[in-house]
């Protein structure tokens, strides 16, 4: 449960006793998270007055649809210095230069940035260099390019210096799982609607973050089967893979996944531009899907996906009857729709 503060008219001189009582209740009940909506710089000073102990007990902070300036965000994070999880969404006044200053908080282990129009490669550089303990990064940014993803190489580095790596699987510049990451703890990377990311960006990801267990490329529409092949051959620890809204994915990508990602537990292919039926023999369930929005994926059986526990194929229609034979009787026959 997260308390939500709508910051309009939160100026300290206008705060009534009811609002003061609300903030006292937040502190007394021991909430360790807070969400600010429609915040501006002056609200930070009001929060300083209303939440004198925020620096010690707020560890999860979310700022949504706000007009905080660079200085306002820096002041807010100084006020809530114990924050380890930060979510910034719809904060269009923030600049990349400001984020370089504000994100100098090495305690942060989880970061989400979305719908902030000024976010591009320099923001990723700040994240890579200033947050060495980051475990999870969720990024939605239209202007982030392939070069930015090379910046996760160990230590302060540039995309150019990060390019030198030991080849793996015959792909130049892709580091082996045992090198090139320097023990960086990042295990979850979600890149949502990063339209400029291509297969070259995928090469940078597998080179610098070979220990990922969760990867989402939802809406990264320039990624093709070749990129999925690189993922399958190098990110062998993946447990969750999201390829939804990746319209260039075809049968070949699924075959790479089936053959190489033995630890995969969840696969999302929502809203693929495809129409067909797919056989998937799983350890617990047998799924048969067919849909008018699935036109590229041809009927295929993947007995290799033994460990897959969840498959998401959104917007599927006109289900066909699930057929079975002696080899499939051991599976529970189920249709799973989202």
C-alpha atoms as a PDB file:
ATOM      1  CA  UNK A   1       0.000   0.000   0.000  1.00  0.00           C
ATOM      2  CA  UNK A   2       1.367   3.391  -1.034  1.00  0.00           C
ATOM      3  CA  UNK A   3       0.032   6.744   0.190  1.00  0.00           C
ATOM      4  CA  UNK A   4      -0.721   9.113  -2.710  1.00  0.00           C
ATOM      5  CA  UNK A   5      -0.286  12.875  -2.359  1.00  0.00           C
ATOM      6  CA  UNK A   6      -1.939  15.139  -4.938  1.00  0.00           C
ATOM      7  CA  UNK A   7       0.300  18.145  -4.581  1.00  0.00           C
ATOM      8  CA  UNK A   8      -1.889  20.932  -5.924  1.00  0.00           C
ATOM      9  CA  UNK A   9      -2.274  23.703  -3.359  1.00  0.00           C
ATOM     10  CA  UNK A  10       0.247  22.051  -1.078  1.00  0.00           C
ATOM     11  CA  UNK A  11       2.126  25.318  -0.394  1.00  0.00           C
ATOM     12  CA  UNK A  12       3.104  25.406   3.261  1.00  0.00           C
ATOM     13  CA  UNK A  13       1.153  28.560   4.077  1.00  0.00           C
ATOM     14  CA  UNK A  14      -2.083  27.001   2.748  1.00  0.00           C
ATOM     15  CA  UNK A  15      -1.859  23.604   4.450  1.00  0.00           C
ATOM     16  CA  UNK A  16      -4.822  23.023   6.719  1.00  0.00           C
ATOM     17  CA  UNK A  17      -4.937  20.875   9.821  1.00  0.00           C
ATOM     18  CA  UNK A  18      -6.576  17.953   8.021  1.00  0.00           C
ATOM     19  CA  UNK A  19      -3.654  17.695   5.613  1.00  0.00           C
ATOM     20  CA  UNK A  20      -1.163  17.993   8.445  1.00  0.00           C
ATOM     21  CA  UNK A  21      -3.007  15.163  10.176  1.00  0.00           C
ATOM     22  CA  UNK A  22      -2.763  13.067   6.989  1.00  0.00           C
ATOM     23  CA  UNK A  23       1.014  13.386   6.835  1.00  0.00           C
ATOM     24  CA  UNK A  24       1.351  12.659  10.544  1.00  0.00           C
ATOM     25  CA  UNK A  25      -0.689   9.502   9.955  1.00  0.00           C
ATOM     26  CA  UNK A  26       1.622   8.439   7.112  1.00  0.00           C
ATOM     27  CA  UNK A  27       4.614   8.686   9.432  1.00  0.00           C
ATOM     28  CA  UNK A  28       2.905   7.144  12.460  1.00  0.00           C
ATOM     29  CA  UNK A  29       1.678   4.138  10.481  1.00  0.00           C
ATOM     30  CA  UNK A  30       5.198   3.454   9.258  1.00  0.00           C
ATOM     31  CA  UNK A  31       4.585   3.675   5.519  1.00  0.00           C
ATOM     32  CA  UNK A  32       7.898   3.379   3.695  1.00  0.00           C
ATOM     33  CA  UNK A  33       6.612   4.470   0.269  1.00  0.00           C
ATOM     34  CA  UNK A  34       5.096   7.643  -1.149  1.00  0.00           C
ATOM     35  CA  UNK A  35       3.648   8.743  -4.493  1.00  0.00           C
ATOM     36  CA  UNK A  36       3.572  12.398  -5.487  1.00  0.00           C
ATOM     37  CA  UNK A  37       1.240  13.553  -8.258  1.00  0.00           C
ATOM     38  CA  UNK A  38       1.363  16.974  -9.953  1.00  0.00           C
ATOM     39  CA  UNK A  39       4.272  18.168  -7.822  1.00  0.00           C
ATOM     40  CA  UNK A  40       6.166  21.406  -8.409  1.00  0.00           C
ATOM     41  CA  UNK A  41       9.280  22.782  -6.761  1.00  0.00           C
ATOM     42  CA  UNK A  42       7.405  24.676  -4.054  1.00  0.00           C
ATOM     43  CA  UNK A  43       5.792  21.432  -2.904  1.00  0.00           C
ATOM     44  CA  UNK A  44       9.182  20.092  -1.865  1.00  0.00           C
ATOM     45  CA  UNK A  45       9.510  22.797   0.783  1.00  0.00           C
ATOM     46  CA  UNK A  46       6.011  21.989   2.023  1.00  0.00           C
ATOM     47  CA  UNK A  47       6.906  18.302   2.287  1.00  0.00           C
ATOM     48  CA  UNK A  48       9.996  19.222   4.264  1.00  0.00           C
ATOM     49  CA  UNK A  49       7.719  20.842   6.833  1.00  0.00           C
ATOM     50  CA  UNK A  50       4.993  18.186   6.772  1.00  0.00           C
ATOM     51  CA  UNK A  51       7.258  15.104   6.816  1.00  0.00           C
ATOM     52  CA  UNK A  52      10.245  15.932   9.019  1.00  0.00           C
ATOM     53  CA  UNK A  53      11.252  12.257   9.265  1.00  0.00           C
ATOM     54  CA  UNK A  54      11.003  11.420   5.557  1.00  0.00           C
ATOM     55  CA  UNK A  55      14.770  11.139   5.273  1.00  0.00           C
ATOM     56  CA  UNK A  56      14.761   8.006   7.400  1.00  0.00           C
ATOM     57  CA  UNK A  57      11.604   6.057   6.582  1.00  0.00           C
ATOM     58  CA  UNK A  58      10.678   6.680   2.896  1.00  0.00           C
ATOM     59  CA  UNK A  59      12.518   4.108   0.777  1.00  0.00           C
ATOM     60  CA  UNK A  60      10.193   3.951  -2.259  1.00  0.00           C
ATOM     61  CA  UNK A  61       9.358   7.207  -4.042  1.00  0.00           C
ATOM     62  CA  UNK A  62       7.178   7.709  -7.096  1.00  0.00           C
ATOM     63  CA  UNK A  63       6.778  11.074  -8.860  1.00  0.00           C
ATOM     64  CA  UNK A  64       4.047  11.167 -11.499  1.00  0.00           C
ATOM     65  CA  UNK A  65       2.817  13.836 -13.948  1.00  0.00           C
ATOM     66  CA  UNK A  66       4.836  16.536 -12.224  1.00  0.00           C
ATOM     67  CA  UNK A  67       6.586  19.756 -13.218  1.00  0.00           C
ATOM     68  CA  UNK A  68       9.566  19.411 -10.945  1.00  0.00           C
ATOM     69  CA  UNK A  69      12.677  21.127 -12.223  1.00  0.00           C
ATOM     70  CA  UNK A  70      16.134  19.622 -12.014  1.00  0.00           C
ATOM     71  CA  UNK A  71      16.763  21.496  -8.782  1.00  0.00           C
ATOM     72  CA  UNK A  72      13.407  20.436  -7.386  1.00  0.00           C
ATOM     73  CA  UNK A  73      14.129  16.755  -7.941  1.00  0.00           C
ATOM     74  CA  UNK A  74      17.574  17.092  -6.419  1.00  0.00           C
ATOM     75  CA  UNK A  75      16.095  18.806  -3.372  1.00  0.00           C
ATOM     76  CA  UNK A  76      13.391  16.128  -3.076  1.00  0.00           C
ATOM     77  CA  UNK A  77      15.931  13.296  -3.131  1.00  0.00           C
ATOM     78  CA  UNK A  78      18.025  15.101  -0.541  1.00  0.00           C
ATOM     79  CA  UNK A  79      14.920  15.333   1.643  1.00  0.00           C
ATOM     80  CA  UNK A  80      14.191  11.618   1.167  1.00  0.00           C
ATOM     81  CA  UNK A  81      17.769  10.412   1.319  1.00  0.00           C
ATOM     82  CA  UNK A  82      16.845   6.836   2.251  1.00  0.00           C
ATOM     83  CA  UNK A  83      15.133   6.169  -1.104  1.00  0.00           C
ATOM     84  CA  UNK A  84      16.302   2.964  -2.818  1.00  0.00           C
ATOM     85  CA  UNK A  85      13.443   2.655  -5.332  1.00  0.00           C
ATOM     86  CA  UNK A  86      12.637   5.630  -7.587  1.00  0.00           C
ATOM     87  CA  UNK A  87       9.895   5.984 -10.197  1.00  0.00           C
ATOM     88  CA  UNK A  88       9.738   9.059 -12.459  1.00  0.00           C
ATOM     89  CA  UNK A  89       6.838   9.251 -14.908  1.00  0.00           C
ATOM     90  CA  UNK A  90       5.591  12.186 -16.931  1.00  0.00           C
ATOM     91  CA  UNK A  91       8.167  14.613 -15.527  1.00  0.00           C
ATOM     92  CA  UNK A  92       8.813  16.665 -18.637  1.00  0.00           C
ATOM     93  CA  UNK A  93      10.679  19.530 -16.985  1.00  0.00           C
ATOM     94  CA  UNK A  94      13.588  17.288 -16.050  1.00  0.00           C
ATOM     95  CA  UNK A  95      16.655  17.497 -18.267  1.00  0.00           C
ATOM     96  CA  UNK A  96      19.483  15.053 -18.760  1.00  0.00           C
ATOM     97  CA  UNK A  97      21.915  17.443 -17.089  1.00  0.00           C
ATOM     98  CA  UNK A  98      19.625  17.582 -14.072  1.00  0.00           C
ATOM     99  CA  UNK A  99      19.378  13.808 -13.896  1.00  0.00           C
ATOM    100  CA  UNK A 100      23.176  13.563 -13.780  1.00  0.00           C
ATOM    101  CA  UNK A 101      23.025  15.558 -10.554  1.00  0.00           C
ATOM    102  CA  UNK A 102      19.845  14.092  -9.071  1.00  0.00           C
ATOM    103  CA  UNK A 103      20.774  10.444  -9.677  1.00  0.00           C
ATOM    104  CA  UNK A 104      24.028  10.662  -7.739  1.00  0.00           C
ATOM    105  CA  UNK A 105      22.407   8.359  -5.171  1.00  0.00           C
ATOM    106  CA  UNK A 106      24.349   5.077  -5.110  1.00  0.00           C
ATOM    107  CA  UNK A 107      21.793   3.588  -2.699  1.00  0.00           C
ATOM    108  CA  UNK A 108      19.187   3.301  -5.472  1.00  0.00           C
ATOM    109  CA  UNK A 109      18.648  -0.321  -6.556  1.00  0.00           C
ATOM    110  CA  UNK A 110      15.423   0.045  -8.553  1.00  0.00           C
ATOM    111  CA  UNK A 111      14.736   2.795 -11.100  1.00  0.00           C
ATOM    112  CA  UNK A 112      11.824   3.402 -13.449  1.00  0.00           C
ATOM    113  CA  UNK A 113      11.692   6.293 -15.929  1.00  0.00           C
ATOM    114  CA  UNK A 114       8.835   6.737 -18.402  1.00  0.00           C
ATOM    115  CA  UNK A 115       7.206   9.483 -20.458  1.00  0.00           C
ATOM    116  CA  UNK A 116       9.920  12.010 -19.632  1.00  0.00           C
ATOM    117  CA  UNK A 117      10.466  13.685 -22.986  1.00  0.00           C
ATOM    118  CA  UNK A 118      14.049  14.817 -22.390  1.00  0.00           C
ATOM    119  CA  UNK A 119      15.398  11.357 -21.598  1.00  0.00           C
ATOM    120  CA  UNK A 120      17.938  10.028 -24.114  1.00  0.00           C
ATOM    121  CA  UNK A 121      21.412   8.453 -24.172  1.00  0.00           C
ATOM    122  CA  UNK A 122      22.944  10.808 -21.595  1.00  0.00           C
ATOM    123  CA  UNK A 123      20.383   9.645 -19.048  1.00  0.00           C
ATOM    124  CA  UNK A 124      21.443   6.044 -19.581  1.00  0.00           C
ATOM    125  CA  UNK A 125      25.060   7.146 -19.152  1.00  0.00           C
ATOM    126  CA  UNK A 126      24.146   8.744 -15.813  1.00  0.00           C
ATOM    127  CA  UNK A 127      22.341   5.593 -14.696  1.00  0.00           C
ATOM    128  CA  UNK A 128      25.240   3.336 -15.702  1.00  0.00           C
ATOM    129  CA  UNK A 129      27.891   5.421 -13.985  1.00  0.00           C
ATOM    130  CA  UNK A 130      26.082   6.767 -10.916  1.00  0.00           C
ATOM    131  CA  UNK A 131      24.042   3.729  -9.806  1.00  0.00           C
ATOM    132  CA  UNK A 132      26.495   0.843  -9.369  1.00  0.00           C
ATOM    133  CA  UNK A 133      24.098  -1.145  -7.152  1.00  0.00           C
ATOM    134  CA  UNK A 134      21.131  -0.989  -9.529  1.00  0.00           C
ATOM    135  CA  UNK A 135      19.250  -4.305  -9.696  1.00  0.00           C
ATOM    136  CA  UNK A 136      16.267  -3.302 -11.834  1.00  0.00           C
ATOM    137  CA  UNK A 137      15.889  -0.720 -14.588  1.00  0.00           C
ATOM    138  CA  UNK A 138      12.596   0.050 -16.324  1.00  0.00           C
ATOM    139  CA  UNK A 139      13.020   2.560 -19.122  1.00  0.00           C
ATOM    140  CA  UNK A 140      10.528   3.954 -21.606  1.00  0.00           C
ATOM    141  CA  UNK A 141      12.206   6.517 -23.834  1.00  0.00           C
ATOM    142  CA  UNK A 142      11.771   7.184 -27.523  1.00  0.00           C
ATOM    143  CA  UNK A 143      15.212   8.706 -28.063  1.00  0.00           C
ATOM    144  CA  UNK A 144      17.513   6.117 -26.463  1.00  0.00           C
ATOM    145  CA  UNK A 145      19.785   4.546 -29.079  1.00  0.00           C
ATOM    146  CA  UNK A 146      21.914   1.411 -29.369  1.00  0.00           C
ATOM    147  CA  UNK A 147      25.050   3.219 -28.212  1.00  0.00           C
ATOM    148  CA  UNK A 148      23.567   3.910 -24.793  1.00  0.00           C
ATOM    149  CA  UNK A 149      23.230   0.205 -24.027  1.00  0.00           C
ATOM    150  CA  UNK A 150      26.997  -0.256 -24.296  1.00  0.00           C
ATOM    151  CA  UNK A 151      27.472   2.017 -21.285  1.00  0.00           C
ATOM    152  CA  UNK A 152      26.603  -0.699 -18.783  1.00  0.00           C
ATOM    153  CA  UNK A 153      30.095  -2.151 -19.056  1.00  0.00           C
ATOM    154  CA  UNK A 154      31.858  -2.252 -15.700  1.00  0.00           C
ATOM    155  CA  UNK A 155      33.000   1.075 -14.320  1.00  0.00           C
ATOM    156  CA  UNK A 156      32.805   4.586 -15.793  1.00  0.00           C
ATOM    157  CA  UNK A 157      33.220   4.041 -19.516  1.00  0.00           C
ATOM    158  CA  UNK A 158      32.043   5.250 -22.867  1.00  0.00           C
ATOM    159  CA  UNK A 159      30.305   3.397 -25.609  1.00  0.00           C
ATOM    160  CA  UNK A 160      33.516   3.431 -27.606  1.00  0.00           C
ATOM    161  CA  UNK A 161      35.662   1.847 -24.896  1.00  0.00           C
ATOM    162  CA  UNK A 162      32.913  -0.627 -24.060  1.00  0.00           C
ATOM    163  CA  UNK A 163      33.013  -1.968 -27.599  1.00  0.00           C
ATOM    164  CA  UNK A 164      36.115  -4.093 -26.952  1.00  0.00           C
ATOM    165  CA  UNK A 165      34.922  -7.487 -25.753  1.00  0.00           C
ATOM    166  CA  UNK A 166      35.657 -11.162 -26.147  1.00  0.00           C
ATOM    167  CA  UNK A 167      33.613 -12.631 -29.014  1.00  0.00           C
ATOM    168  CA  UNK A 168      31.054 -15.282 -28.169  1.00  0.00           C
ATOM    169  CA  UNK A 169      28.969 -17.516 -30.413  1.00  0.00           C
ATOM    170  CA  UNK A 170      30.879 -16.128 -33.365  1.00  0.00           C
ATOM    171  CA  UNK A 171      29.441 -12.632 -32.920  1.00  0.00           C
ATOM    172  CA  UNK A 172      32.158  -9.929 -32.797  1.00  0.00           C
ATOM    173  CA  UNK A 173      31.969  -7.691 -29.758  1.00  0.00           C
ATOM    174  CA  UNK A 174      29.784  -9.970 -27.633  1.00  0.00           C
ATOM    175  CA  UNK A 175      31.352 -10.801 -24.288  1.00  0.00           C
ATOM    176  CA  UNK A 176      31.138 -14.187 -22.682  1.00  0.00           C
ATOM    177  CA  UNK A 177      29.017 -14.592 -19.568  1.00  0.00           C
ATOM    178  CA  UNK A 178      32.090 -14.780 -17.425  1.00  0.00           C
ATOM    179  CA  UNK A 179      33.544 -11.444 -18.497  1.00  0.00           C
ATOM    180  CA  UNK A 180      32.679  -7.928 -19.487  1.00  0.00           C
ATOM    181  CA  UNK A 181      30.113  -7.344 -16.710  1.00  0.00           C
ATOM    182  CA  UNK A 182      32.430  -6.789 -13.765  1.00  0.00           C
ATOM    183  CA  UNK A 183      29.858  -8.237 -11.398  1.00  0.00           C
ATOM    184  CA  UNK A 184      27.264  -5.496 -12.063  1.00  0.00           C
ATOM    185  CA  UNK A 185      24.146  -6.568 -10.110  1.00  0.00           C
ATOM    186  CA  UNK A 186      21.601  -5.476 -12.749  1.00  0.00           C
ATOM    187  CA  UNK A 187      19.373  -8.493 -13.401  1.00  0.00           C
ATOM    188  CA  UNK A 188      16.122  -6.935 -14.653  1.00  0.00           C
ATOM    189  CA  UNK A 189      16.060  -4.710 -17.735  1.00  0.00           C
ATOM    190  CA  UNK A 190      12.803  -3.531 -19.267  1.00  0.00           C
ATOM    191  CA  UNK A 191      13.026  -1.351 -22.369  1.00  0.00           C
ATOM    192  CA  UNK A 192       9.519  -0.268 -23.300  1.00  0.00           C
ATOM    193  CA  UNK A 193       8.849   1.435 -26.637  1.00  0.00           C
ATOM    194  CA  UNK A 194      12.483   2.332 -27.180  1.00  0.00           C
ATOM    195  CA  UNK A 195      11.903   2.746 -30.886  1.00  0.00           C
ATOM    196  CA  UNK A 196      15.518   3.435 -31.822  1.00  0.00           C
ATOM    197  CA  UNK A 197      16.851   0.172 -30.364  1.00  0.00           C
ATOM    198  CA  UNK A 198      17.960  -2.274 -33.081  1.00  0.00           C
ATOM    199  CA  UNK A 199      19.750  -5.614 -33.147  1.00  0.00           C
ATOM    200  CA  UNK A 200      23.015  -3.774 -32.546  1.00  0.00           C
ATOM    201  CA  UNK A 201      21.597  -2.577 -29.244  1.00  0.00           C
ATOM    202  CA  UNK A 202      20.856  -6.193 -28.360  1.00  0.00           C
ATOM    203  CA  UNK A 203      24.527  -7.004 -28.985  1.00  0.00           C
ATOM    204  CA  UNK A 204      25.451  -4.304 -26.487  1.00  0.00           C
ATOM    205  CA  UNK A 205      23.019  -5.687 -23.917  1.00  0.00           C
ATOM    206  CA  UNK A 206      24.325  -9.256 -24.048  1.00  0.00           C
ATOM    207  CA  UNK A 207      27.899  -8.014 -23.954  1.00  0.00           C
ATOM    208  CA  UNK A 208      27.519  -5.778 -20.904  1.00  0.00           C
ATOM    209  CA  UNK A 209      24.720  -7.556 -18.995  1.00  0.00           C
ATOM    210  CA  UNK A 210      25.177 -11.303 -19.593  1.00  0.00           C
ATOM    211  CA  UNK A 211      23.578 -12.274 -16.253  1.00  0.00           C
ATOM    212  CA  UNK A 212      20.120 -10.809 -16.928  1.00  0.00           C
ATOM    213  CA  UNK A 213      17.200 -12.922 -15.729  1.00  0.00           C
ATOM    214  CA  UNK A 214      14.388 -10.597 -16.875  1.00  0.00           C
ATOM    215  CA  UNK A 215      14.422  -8.800 -20.235  1.00  0.00           C
ATOM    216  CA  UNK A 216      11.609  -6.867 -21.865  1.00  0.00           C
ATOM    217  CA  UNK A 217      11.824  -5.387 -25.349  1.00  0.00           C
ATOM    218  CA  UNK A 218       8.131  -4.532 -25.537  1.00  0.00           C
ATOM    219  CA  UNK A 219       7.515  -2.085 -28.342  1.00  0.00           C
ATOM    220  CA  UNK A 220      11.118  -2.151 -29.589  1.00  0.00           C
ATOM    221  CA  UNK A 221       9.823  -2.621 -33.103  1.00  0.00           C
ATOM    222  CA  UNK A 222      13.204  -2.634 -34.890  1.00  0.00           C
ATOM    223  CA  UNK A 223      14.343  -5.842 -33.164  1.00  0.00           C
ATOM    224  CA  UNK A 224      14.227  -8.834 -35.521  1.00  0.00           C
ATOM    225  CA  UNK A 225      14.855 -12.573 -35.392  1.00  0.00           C
ATOM    226  CA  UNK A 226      18.619 -11.979 -35.493  1.00  0.00           C
ATOM    227  CA  UNK A 227      18.397 -10.015 -32.265  1.00  0.00           C
ATOM    228  CA  UNK A 228      16.397 -12.775 -30.601  1.00  0.00           C
ATOM    229  CA  UNK A 229      19.004 -15.296 -31.736  1.00  0.00           C
ATOM    230  CA  UNK A 230      21.732 -13.286 -29.997  1.00  0.00           C
ATOM    231  CA  UNK A 231      19.601 -13.144 -26.838  1.00  0.00           C
ATOM    232  CA  UNK A 232      18.930 -16.889 -26.864  1.00  0.00           C
ATOM    233  CA  UNK A 233      22.575 -17.811 -27.429  1.00  0.00           C
ATOM    234  CA  UNK A 234      24.021 -15.510 -24.776  1.00  0.00           C
ATOM    235  CA  UNK A 235      21.481 -14.770 -22.044  1.00  0.00           C
ATOM    236  CA  UNK A 236      21.093 -18.349 -20.877  1.00  0.00           C
ATOM    237  CA  UNK A 237      19.895 -17.333 -17.396  1.00  0.00           C
ATOM    238  CA  UNK A 238      16.780 -15.578 -18.700  1.00  0.00           C
ATOM    239  CA  UNK A 239      13.619 -16.543 -16.856  1.00  0.00           C
ATOM    240  CA  UNK A 240      11.305 -13.871 -18.291  1.00  0.00           C
ATOM    241  CA  UNK A 241      11.340 -12.564 -21.867  1.00  0.00           C
ATOM    242  CA  UNK A 242       8.860 -10.022 -23.239  1.00  0.00           C
ATOM    243  CA  UNK A 243       8.755  -9.564 -27.014  1.00  0.00           C
ATOM    244  CA  UNK A 244       5.304  -8.010 -27.201  1.00  0.00           C
ATOM    245  CA  UNK A 245       4.701  -5.422 -29.915  1.00  0.00           C
ATOM    246  CA  UNK A 246       7.828  -6.624 -31.762  1.00  0.00           C
ATOM    247  CA  UNK A 247       6.259  -6.981 -35.190  1.00  0.00           C
ATOM    248  CA  UNK A 248       9.381  -8.321 -36.945  1.00  0.00           C
ATOM    249  CA  UNK A 249       9.562 -11.521 -34.893  1.00  0.00           C
ATOM    250  CA  UNK A 250       8.789 -14.727 -36.816  1.00  0.00           C
ATOM    251  CA  UNK A 251       8.955 -18.501 -36.429  1.00  0.00           C
ATOM    252  CA  UNK A 252      12.738 -18.477 -36.408  1.00  0.00           C
ATOM    253  CA  UNK A 253      12.857 -16.413 -33.211  1.00  0.00           C
ATOM    254  CA  UNK A 254      10.646 -18.911 -31.409  1.00  0.00           C
ATOM    255  CA  UNK A 255      12.888 -21.755 -32.498  1.00  0.00           C
ATOM    256  CA  UNK A 256      15.947 -19.966 -31.073  1.00  0.00           C
ATOM    257  CA  UNK A 257      14.103 -19.456 -27.796  1.00  0.00           C
ATOM    258  CA  UNK A 258      12.944 -23.067 -27.626  1.00  0.00           C
ATOM    259  CA  UNK A 259      16.388 -24.497 -28.299  1.00  0.00           C
ATOM    260  CA  UNK A 260      18.550 -22.270 -26.098  1.00  0.00           C
ATOM    261  CA  UNK A 261      16.596 -20.698 -23.242  1.00  0.00           C
ATOM    262  CA  UNK A 262      16.243 -23.721 -20.990  1.00  0.00           C
ATOM    263  CA  UNK A 263      15.473 -21.692 -17.846  1.00  0.00           C
ATOM    264  CA  UNK A 264      12.744 -19.549 -19.407  1.00  0.00           C
ATOM    265  CA  UNK A 265       9.570 -19.474 -17.303  1.00  0.00           C
ATOM    266  CA  UNK A 266       7.585 -16.668 -18.909  1.00  0.00           C
ATOM    267  CA  UNK A 267       7.354 -15.586 -22.539  1.00  0.00           C
ATOM    268  CA  UNK A 268       5.171 -12.733 -23.797  1.00  0.00           C
ATOM    269  CA  UNK A 269       4.319 -12.343 -27.477  1.00  0.00           C
ATOM    270  CA  UNK A 270       1.309 -10.074 -27.082  1.00  0.00           C
ATOM    271  CA  UNK A 271      -0.067  -8.371 -30.173  1.00  0.00           C
ATOM    272  CA  UNK A 272       2.358  -9.815 -32.647  1.00  0.00           C
ATOM    273  CA  UNK A 273       1.386  -8.976 -36.216  1.00  0.00           C
ATOM    274  CA  UNK A 274       0.643 -12.593 -36.997  1.00  0.00           C
ATOM    275  CA  UNK A 275      -2.124 -15.108 -37.591  1.00  0.00           C
ATOM    276  CA  UNK A 276      -1.747 -18.849 -37.097  1.00  0.00           C
ATOM    277  CA  UNK A 277      -1.717 -21.668 -34.582  1.00  0.00           C
ATOM    278  CA  UNK A 278       1.162 -22.584 -32.321  1.00  0.00           C
ATOM    279  CA  UNK A 279       1.719 -25.885 -30.556  1.00  0.00           C
ATOM    280  CA  UNK A 280       3.642 -25.612 -27.305  1.00  0.00           C
ATOM    281  CA  UNK A 281       4.300 -28.731 -25.229  1.00  0.00           C
ATOM    282  CA  UNK A 282       4.966 -27.491 -21.692  1.00  0.00           C
ATOM    283  CA  UNK A 283       5.836 -29.294 -18.476  1.00  0.00           C
ATOM    284  CA  UNK A 284       2.351 -28.735 -17.047  1.00  0.00           C
ATOM    285  CA  UNK A 285       0.019 -27.550 -19.805  1.00  0.00           C
ATOM    286  CA  UNK A 286      -0.487 -28.030 -23.520  1.00  0.00           C
ATOM    287  CA  UNK A 287      -1.438 -24.774 -25.168  1.00  0.00           C
ATOM    288  CA  UNK A 288      -2.887 -24.263 -28.618  1.00  0.00           C
ATOM    289  CA  UNK A 289      -3.373 -20.702 -29.736  1.00  0.00           C
ATOM    290  CA  UNK A 290      -4.724 -19.224 -32.892  1.00  0.00           C
ATOM    291  CA  UNK A 291      -5.518 -15.587 -33.548  1.00  0.00           C
ATOM    292  CA  UNK A 292      -6.334 -13.060 -36.207  1.00  0.00           C
ATOM    293  CA  UNK A 293      -3.477 -10.830 -35.046  1.00  0.00           C
ATOM    294  CA  UNK A 294      -0.866 -13.568 -35.372  1.00  0.00           C
ATOM    295  CA  UNK A 295       0.090 -13.871 -39.054  1.00  0.00           C
ATOM    296  CA  UNK A 296       3.803 -14.605 -39.030  1.00  0.00           C
ATOM    297  CA  UNK A 297       3.999 -17.490 -36.563  1.00  0.00           C
ATOM    298  CA  UNK A 298       3.321 -20.758 -38.372  1.00  0.00           C
ATOM    299  CA  UNK A 299       2.107 -23.944 -36.716  1.00  0.00           C
ATOM    300  CA  UNK A 300       5.080 -25.268 -34.774  1.00  0.00           C
ATOM    301  CA  UNK A 301       5.662 -27.647 -31.878  1.00  0.00           C
ATOM    302  CA  UNK A 302       8.359 -26.789 -29.335  1.00  0.00           C
ATOM    303  CA  UNK A 303       8.933 -29.733 -27.041  1.00  0.00           C
ATOM    304  CA  UNK A 304      12.151 -28.041 -25.892  1.00  0.00           C
ATOM    305  CA  UNK A 305      10.255 -25.500 -23.789  1.00  0.00           C
ATOM    306  CA  UNK A 306      10.107 -27.865 -20.829  1.00  0.00           C
ATOM    307  CA  UNK A 307      10.483 -25.217 -18.131  1.00  0.00           C
ATOM    308  CA  UNK A 308       8.145 -22.580 -19.514  1.00  0.00           C
ATOM    309  CA  UNK A 309       5.382 -21.909 -16.987  1.00  0.00           C
ATOM    310  CA  UNK A 310       3.627 -18.950 -18.562  1.00  0.00           C
ATOM    311  CA  UNK A 311       3.048 -17.889 -22.147  1.00  0.00           C
ATOM    312  CA  UNK A 312       1.267 -14.653 -22.969  1.00  0.00           C
ATOM    313  CA  UNK A 313      -0.182 -14.146 -26.429  1.00  0.00           C
ATOM    314  CA  UNK A 314      -2.481 -11.146 -26.301  1.00  0.00           C
ATOM    315  CA  UNK A 315      -5.456 -10.337 -28.503  1.00  0.00           C
ATOM    316  CA  UNK A 316      -5.902 -13.895 -29.743  1.00  0.00           C
ATOM    317  CA  UNK A 317      -9.284 -14.836 -31.211  1.00  0.00           C
ATOM    318  CA  UNK A 318     -11.086 -17.735 -32.918  1.00  0.00           C
ATOM    319  CA  UNK A 319      -9.620 -20.547 -30.798  1.00  0.00           C
ATOM    320  CA  UNK A 320      -9.451 -23.909 -32.476  1.00  0.00           C
ATOM    321  CA  UNK A 321     -10.091 -27.238 -30.844  1.00  0.00           C
ATOM    322  CA  UNK A 322      -7.156 -28.618 -28.924  1.00  0.00           C
ATOM    323  CA  UNK A 323      -6.125 -31.901 -30.445  1.00  0.00           C
ATOM    324  CA  UNK A 324      -4.225 -34.607 -28.638  1.00  0.00           C
ATOM    325  CA  UNK A 325      -2.499 -37.868 -29.372  1.00  0.00           C
ATOM    326  CA  UNK A 326      -0.729 -40.486 -27.261  1.00  0.00           C
ATOM    327  CA  UNK A 327       2.372 -38.354 -26.963  1.00  0.00           C
ATOM    328  CA  UNK A 328       0.364 -35.446 -25.536  1.00  0.00           C
ATOM    329  CA  UNK A 329      -1.926 -37.312 -23.153  1.00  0.00           C
ATOM    330  CA  UNK A 330       0.524 -36.679 -20.332  1.00  0.00           C
ATOM    331  CA  UNK A 331      -0.172 -32.931 -20.542  1.00  0.00           C
ATOM    332  CA  UNK A 332      -3.191 -31.102 -19.212  1.00  0.00           C
ATOM    333  CA  UNK A 333      -4.966 -29.588 -22.217  1.00  0.00           C
ATOM    334  CA  UNK A 334      -5.597 -25.923 -21.520  1.00  0.00           C
ATOM    335  CA  UNK A 335      -6.247 -22.743 -23.435  1.00  0.00           C
ATOM    336  CA  UNK A 336      -4.725 -19.660 -21.846  1.00  0.00           C
ATOM    337  CA  UNK A 337      -5.989 -16.268 -23.013  1.00  0.00           C
ATOM    338  CA  UNK A 338      -5.002 -12.783 -21.952  1.00  0.00           C
END
